[in-house]
Amino acid sequence: MLFLRLEFLGTGTSFGVPEIGCNCAVCTSPDPRDRRWRSSIWVAHDDASLVVDATPDFREQCLRSRLPRLDALLLTHLHADHIFGLDDVRKYNYLQQMAMPVHLPPQYEARFRAIFHYALAEPPPGLTRPRFDVLPLDGAPLRFGDLEVQPVAVEHGAETIAGYLFSAHGWRCAYLTDCKELPPATKAAVHGVDVLILGALWDLPRRHAGHLNLAEALELAAELAPRQTYLTHLTHMMGRHAETQARLPPGVALAHDGLVVTAPAPNGR
């Protein structure tokens, strides 16, 4: 029996780390925790295997993490660093002989169908294309056996995107990447979670229109009062992993690619 397991497939921003053409201390760091693919997570629980966002690094992420099966994709929004790996879903289509369920905020359905029109039309003979079952979120929780996934609203600059609250056997984990602000209803829903995963762009006083900086993320994490916070969607301007981690308060950690978080087994199981 597998209890809830979450793996960070990637923890970087749209540029990734190292960035092309950059020779800063982070981009040239020998610490593997300073090498960051674009942000995504893999959540596994019993018979469910879910991925949030399919980044341009999706194929390499699946190979590195030996992701054997994919039952559904959950999308936060349609920026390139969150969806441009979707073509590689076609291998799971072939292995599992099924169209891949793709859950996404309803305001993005028309845009998704436009971007991936080639995959939603009947393919010409001899061509391999991904197959998607497009499923707009309606606010109700998704259920995968004992795992409940509640979509929550996240303000990403001028866009309202999706975050996800994973719950199983009383253990709760909120994934809120690409976050600038949270509506009151989302704050109430995720308050006191066991694990909070929050986007934090850089360790600079400079603010960003669509993302939290480190100081803002720490302030929001303190307000939400989780047991443990992991910061993701990090640029090279967050500083080297070891040095930045040493300055963080208790209960807050920089996530890194390949990091695994597990829920405790329920009593009696």
Protein backbone atom coordinates (compact mmCIF):
# COMPACT_ATOMS: atom_id res chain seq x y z
CA MET A 1 0.00 0.00 0.00
CA LEU A 2 1.44 3.37 -1.05
CA PHE A 3 0.59 6.39 1.06
CA LEU A 4 0.78 9.87 -0.34
CA ARG A 5 4.14 10.61 -1.90
CA LEU A 6 5.05 13.90 -3.56
CA GLU A 7 8.18 14.42 -5.64
CA PHE A 8 9.43 17.74 -6.98
CA LEU A 9 10.07 17.07 -10.66
CA GLY A 10 11.32 20.63 -11.09
CA THR A 11 11.69 23.73 -8.93
CA GLY A 12 12.91 26.42 -11.33
CA THR A 13 11.29 29.25 -13.23
CA SER A 14 10.73 29.58 -16.97
CA PHE A 15 14.46 30.12 -17.60
CA GLY A 16 15.53 27.10 -15.55
CA VAL A 17 18.78 27.05 -13.57
CA PRO A 18 21.48 27.33 -14.79
CA GLU A 19 20.32 30.01 -17.19
CA ILE A 20 21.69 30.10 -20.71
CA GLY A 21 24.74 32.34 -20.92
CA CYS A 22 25.01 33.01 -17.19
CA ASN A 23 28.20 32.50 -15.18
CA CYS A 24 26.92 33.57 -11.76
CA ALA A 25 27.73 31.62 -8.59
CA VAL A 26 24.42 29.77 -8.73
CA CYS A 27 24.51 28.84 -12.40
CA THR A 28 28.08 27.51 -12.04
CA SER A 29 27.48 25.85 -8.66
CA PRO A 30 28.58 22.20 -8.32
CA ASP A 31 25.73 21.58 -5.86
CA PRO A 32 23.09 19.47 -7.69
CA ARG A 33 20.40 21.28 -5.70
CA ASP A 34 21.25 24.41 -7.71
CA ARG A 35 20.28 22.72 -10.99
CA ARG A 36 16.56 23.34 -11.45
CA TRP A 37 14.22 22.16 -14.16
CA ARG A 38 10.94 23.99 -14.65
CA SER A 39 8.43 23.64 -11.80
CA SER A 40 6.27 20.55 -11.58
CA ILE A 41 5.33 17.88 -9.03
CA TRP A 42 4.41 14.19 -9.17
CA VAL A 43 1.86 12.98 -6.62
CA ALA A 44 1.36 9.24 -6.09
CA HIS A 45 -1.15 7.61 -3.75
CA ASP A 46 -2.28 3.97 -3.87
CA ASP A 47 -3.29 3.48 -7.51
CA ALA A 48 -3.22 7.17 -8.49
CA SER A 49 -0.28 8.81 -10.27
CA LEU A 50 -0.77 12.52 -11.00
CA VAL A 51 1.45 15.28 -12.37
CA VAL A 52 0.85 18.99 -11.92
CA ASP A 53 1.98 20.82 -15.09
CA ALA A 54 3.96 19.35 -17.99
CA THR A 55 7.02 21.55 -18.40
CA PRO A 56 9.45 21.73 -21.32
CA ASP A 57 11.59 19.35 -19.21
CA PHE A 58 8.76 16.81 -18.82
CA ARG A 59 10.43 13.96 -20.71
CA GLU A 60 13.68 14.23 -18.77
CA GLN A 61 11.78 14.58 -15.50
CA CYS A 62 9.83 11.37 -16.16
CA LEU A 63 13.00 9.50 -17.07
CA ARG A 64 14.93 10.70 -14.03
CA SER A 65 12.09 9.92 -11.61
CA ARG A 66 11.15 6.65 -13.38
CA LEU A 67 7.54 7.73 -13.55
CA PRO A 68 5.90 4.46 -14.62
CA ARG A 69 2.32 5.55 -15.13
CA LEU A 70 0.31 8.74 -15.45
CA ASP A 71 -3.39 8.70 -14.59
CA ALA A 72 -4.13 12.41 -15.01
CA LEU A 73 -2.56 15.82 -15.50
CA LEU A 74 -3.54 18.84 -13.42
CA LEU A 75 -2.69 22.20 -15.00
CA THR A 76 -2.29 25.42 -13.07
CA HIS A 77 -2.30 27.71 -16.13
CA LEU A 78 -1.11 27.83 -19.72
CA HIS A 79 2.21 29.67 -19.62
CA ALA A 80 4.83 27.92 -21.73
CA ASP A 81 6.94 26.70 -18.80
CA HIS A 82 3.91 24.79 -17.49
CA ILE A 83 2.55 23.13 -20.64
CA PHE A 84 5.18 22.83 -23.36
CA GLY A 85 6.03 19.25 -22.40
CA LEU A 86 2.52 18.00 -23.09
CA ASP A 87 3.44 16.48 -26.44
CA ASP A 88 5.49 13.85 -24.58
CA VAL A 89 2.31 12.57 -22.93
CA ARG A 90 1.84 10.53 -26.12
CA LYS A 91 4.16 7.83 -24.74
CA TYR A 92 1.80 7.32 -21.80
CA ASN A 93 -1.12 7.28 -24.25
CA TYR A 94 0.62 4.41 -26.04
CA LEU A 95 1.67 2.50 -22.92
CA GLN A 96 -1.71 2.82 -21.23
CA GLN A 97 -3.92 2.76 -24.33
CA MET A 98 -5.99 5.71 -23.13
CA ALA A 99 -6.54 9.40 -23.72
CA MET A 100 -4.93 11.41 -20.92
CA PRO A 101 -7.35 13.29 -18.64
CA VAL A 102 -6.23 16.93 -18.44
CA HIS A 103 -7.87 18.97 -15.68
CA LEU A 104 -7.54 22.73 -16.12
CA PRO A 105 -9.26 25.97 -15.08
CA PRO A 106 -12.31 26.52 -17.30
CA GLN A 107 -11.15 29.96 -18.47
CA TYR A 108 -8.26 28.23 -20.26
CA GLU A 109 -10.20 25.56 -22.14
CA ALA A 110 -10.58 27.48 -25.42
CA ARG A 111 -6.92 28.51 -25.39
CA PHE A 112 -5.82 24.94 -24.63
CA ARG A 113 -7.86 23.63 -27.55
CA ALA A 114 -6.31 26.25 -29.83
CA ILE A 115 -2.71 25.49 -28.77
CA PHE A 116 -3.13 21.72 -28.96
CA HIS A 117 -5.56 21.60 -31.88
CA TYR A 118 -3.30 19.10 -33.67
CA ALA A 119 -3.67 16.65 -30.77
CA LEU A 120 -7.44 17.03 -30.49
CA ALA A 121 -8.14 16.33 -34.17
CA GLU A 122 -8.10 12.87 -35.73
CA PRO A 123 -4.45 12.24 -36.68
CA PRO A 124 -3.48 11.27 -40.20
CA PRO A 125 -2.48 7.60 -40.55
CA GLY A 126 1.04 6.81 -39.44
CA LEU A 127 1.52 9.83 -37.14
CA THR A 128 1.86 9.67 -33.39
CA ARG A 129 0.18 12.47 -31.49
CA PRO A 130 -0.84 12.89 -27.85
CA ARG A 131 -4.48 12.29 -26.99
CA PHE A 132 -6.15 14.41 -24.33
CA ASP A 133 -9.48 14.25 -22.55
CA VAL A 134 -9.99 17.93 -21.71
CA LEU A 135 -11.78 18.29 -18.37
CA PRO A 136 -12.45 21.86 -17.15
CA LEU A 137 -12.50 22.24 -13.38
CA ASP A 138 -15.85 23.18 -11.87
CA GLY A 139 -14.69 23.93 -8.33
CA ALA A 140 -15.64 20.52 -6.97
CA PRO A 141 -12.90 18.28 -5.58
CA LEU A 142 -11.42 15.57 -7.77
CA ARG A 143 -11.20 12.09 -6.27
CA PHE A 144 -8.66 9.40 -7.01
CA GLY A 145 -9.48 6.62 -4.58
CA ASP A 146 -8.74 7.95 -1.08
CA LEU A 147 -6.93 10.97 -2.49
CA GLU A 148 -8.94 14.19 -2.77
CA VAL A 149 -7.67 17.08 -4.90
CA GLN A 150 -9.37 20.41 -4.30
CA PRO A 151 -8.65 23.15 -6.86
CA VAL A 152 -8.14 26.58 -5.24
CA ALA A 153 -7.78 30.03 -6.77
CA VAL A 154 -4.35 31.68 -6.92
CA GLU A 155 -3.72 35.24 -8.14
CA HIS A 156 -0.82 35.28 -10.58
CA GLY A 157 -0.62 38.95 -11.47
CA ALA A 158 -3.62 39.78 -13.65
CA GLU A 159 -4.55 36.08 -14.02
CA THR A 160 -6.44 33.82 -11.66
CA ILE A 161 -4.88 30.38 -11.97
CA ALA A 162 -5.30 27.09 -10.13
CA GLY A 163 -3.53 25.78 -7.07
CA TYR A 164 -4.25 22.34 -5.68
CA LEU A 165 -4.91 21.06 -2.16
CA PHE A 166 -4.15 17.34 -1.81
CA SER A 167 -5.77 15.48 1.09
CA ALA A 168 -5.56 11.85 2.17
CA HIS A 169 -6.31 10.31 5.56
CA GLY A 170 -6.29 13.71 7.24
CA TRP A 171 -2.92 14.80 5.78
CA ARG A 172 -3.04 17.93 3.62
CA CYS A 173 -0.60 19.49 1.18
CA ALA A 174 -1.17 22.70 -0.80
CA TYR A 175 0.67 23.41 -4.06
CA LEU A 176 0.58 27.14 -4.86
CA THR A 177 3.17 27.93 -7.47
CA ASP A 178 3.21 31.15 -9.57
CA CYS A 179 1.55 32.95 -6.69
CA LYS A 180 1.36 36.67 -5.99
CA GLU A 181 -1.75 36.84 -3.80
CA LEU A 182 -4.35 34.45 -2.40
CA PRO A 183 -8.08 35.18 -2.19
CA PRO A 184 -9.58 34.90 1.32
CA ALA A 185 -11.31 31.62 0.46
CA THR A 186 -8.01 30.04 -0.57
CA LYS A 187 -6.27 31.26 2.57
CA ALA A 188 -9.03 29.67 4.66
CA ALA A 189 -8.85 26.40 2.71
CA VAL A 190 -5.08 25.96 3.08
CA HIS A 191 -4.57 27.41 6.56
CA GLY A 192 -2.73 25.01 8.82
CA VAL A 193 -1.88 22.44 6.14
CA ASP A 194 0.78 19.88 6.88
CA VAL A 195 2.83 20.95 3.86
CA LEU A 196 2.65 24.26 2.00
CA ILE A 197 4.46 24.53 -1.35
CA LEU A 198 4.75 28.16 -2.34
CA GLY A 199 6.39 29.95 -5.23
CA ALA A 200 9.18 32.40 -4.35
CA LEU A 201 11.04 34.01 -7.22
CA TRP A 202 14.18 35.55 -5.72
CA ASP A 203 15.90 36.86 -2.60
CA LEU A 204 15.74 40.50 -3.64
CA PRO A 205 13.76 43.47 -2.29
CA ARG A 206 12.53 44.02 -5.84
CA ARG A 207 8.91 43.02 -6.26
CA HIS A 208 7.40 41.20 -9.22
CA ALA A 209 3.90 41.77 -10.60
CA GLY A 210 3.04 38.07 -10.76
CA HIS A 211 5.23 36.33 -8.19
CA LEU A 212 6.23 36.52 -4.54
CA ASN A 213 9.79 37.36 -3.61
CA LEU A 214 11.37 35.58 -0.65
CA ALA A 215 10.30 38.13 1.97
CA GLU A 216 6.71 38.10 0.69
CA ALA A 217 6.63 34.30 0.62
CA LEU A 218 7.89 34.08 4.20
CA GLU A 219 5.25 36.58 5.32
CA LEU A 220 2.47 34.63 3.60
CA ALA A 221 3.74 31.31 4.95
CA ALA A 222 3.70 32.69 8.49
CA GLU A 223 0.10 33.83 7.99
CA LEU A 224 -0.99 30.42 6.68
CA ALA A 225 0.74 28.58 9.56
CA PRO A 226 1.61 25.26 7.90
CA ARG A 227 3.67 22.62 9.67
CA GLN A 228 6.27 22.78 6.90
CA THR A 229 6.80 25.13 3.96
CA TYR A 230 8.77 24.37 0.80
CA LEU A 231 9.64 27.15 -1.62
CA THR A 232 9.67 26.44 -5.35
CA HIS A 233 9.71 28.24 -8.73
CA LEU A 234 13.12 29.70 -7.85
CA THR A 235 15.40 31.78 -10.06
CA HIS A 236 19.18 31.90 -9.83
CA MET A 237 18.64 35.17 -7.94
CA MET A 238 17.48 33.16 -4.91
CA GLY A 239 21.16 32.48 -4.22
CA ARG A 240 22.95 29.18 -3.76
CA HIS A 241 20.84 26.53 -2.09
CA ALA A 242 23.01 25.89 0.96
CA GLU A 243 23.63 29.56 1.73
CA THR A 244 20.00 30.63 1.37
CA GLN A 245 18.70 27.61 3.28
CA ALA A 246 20.96 28.49 6.22
CA ARG A 247 19.18 31.85 6.57
CA LEU A 248 15.61 30.55 6.46
CA PRO A 249 13.47 30.29 9.60
CA PRO A 250 12.57 26.91 11.12
CA GLY A 251 9.88 25.08 9.21
CA VAL A 252 10.81 26.65 5.85
CA ALA A 253 13.03 24.99 3.24
CA LEU A 254 14.02 25.51 -0.35
CA ALA A 255 12.71 22.64 -2.44
CA HIS A 256 15.05 21.08 -4.96
CA ASP A 257 14.60 18.80 -7.94
CA GLY A 258 14.09 15.20 -6.84
CA LEU A 259 13.07 16.07 -3.29
CA VAL A 260 10.45 13.61 -1.99
CA VAL A 261 7.85 14.41 0.68
CA THR A 262 5.71 11.61 2.11
CA ALA A 263 2.64 11.57 4.31
CA PRO A 264 2.72 9.41 7.46
CA ALA A 265 0.83 6.13 7.20
CA PRO A 266 -2.64 6.25 8.77
CA ASN A 267 -3.02 4.50 12.10
CA GLY A 268 -3.54 0.80 11.74
CA ARG A 269 -2.33 0.61 8.14
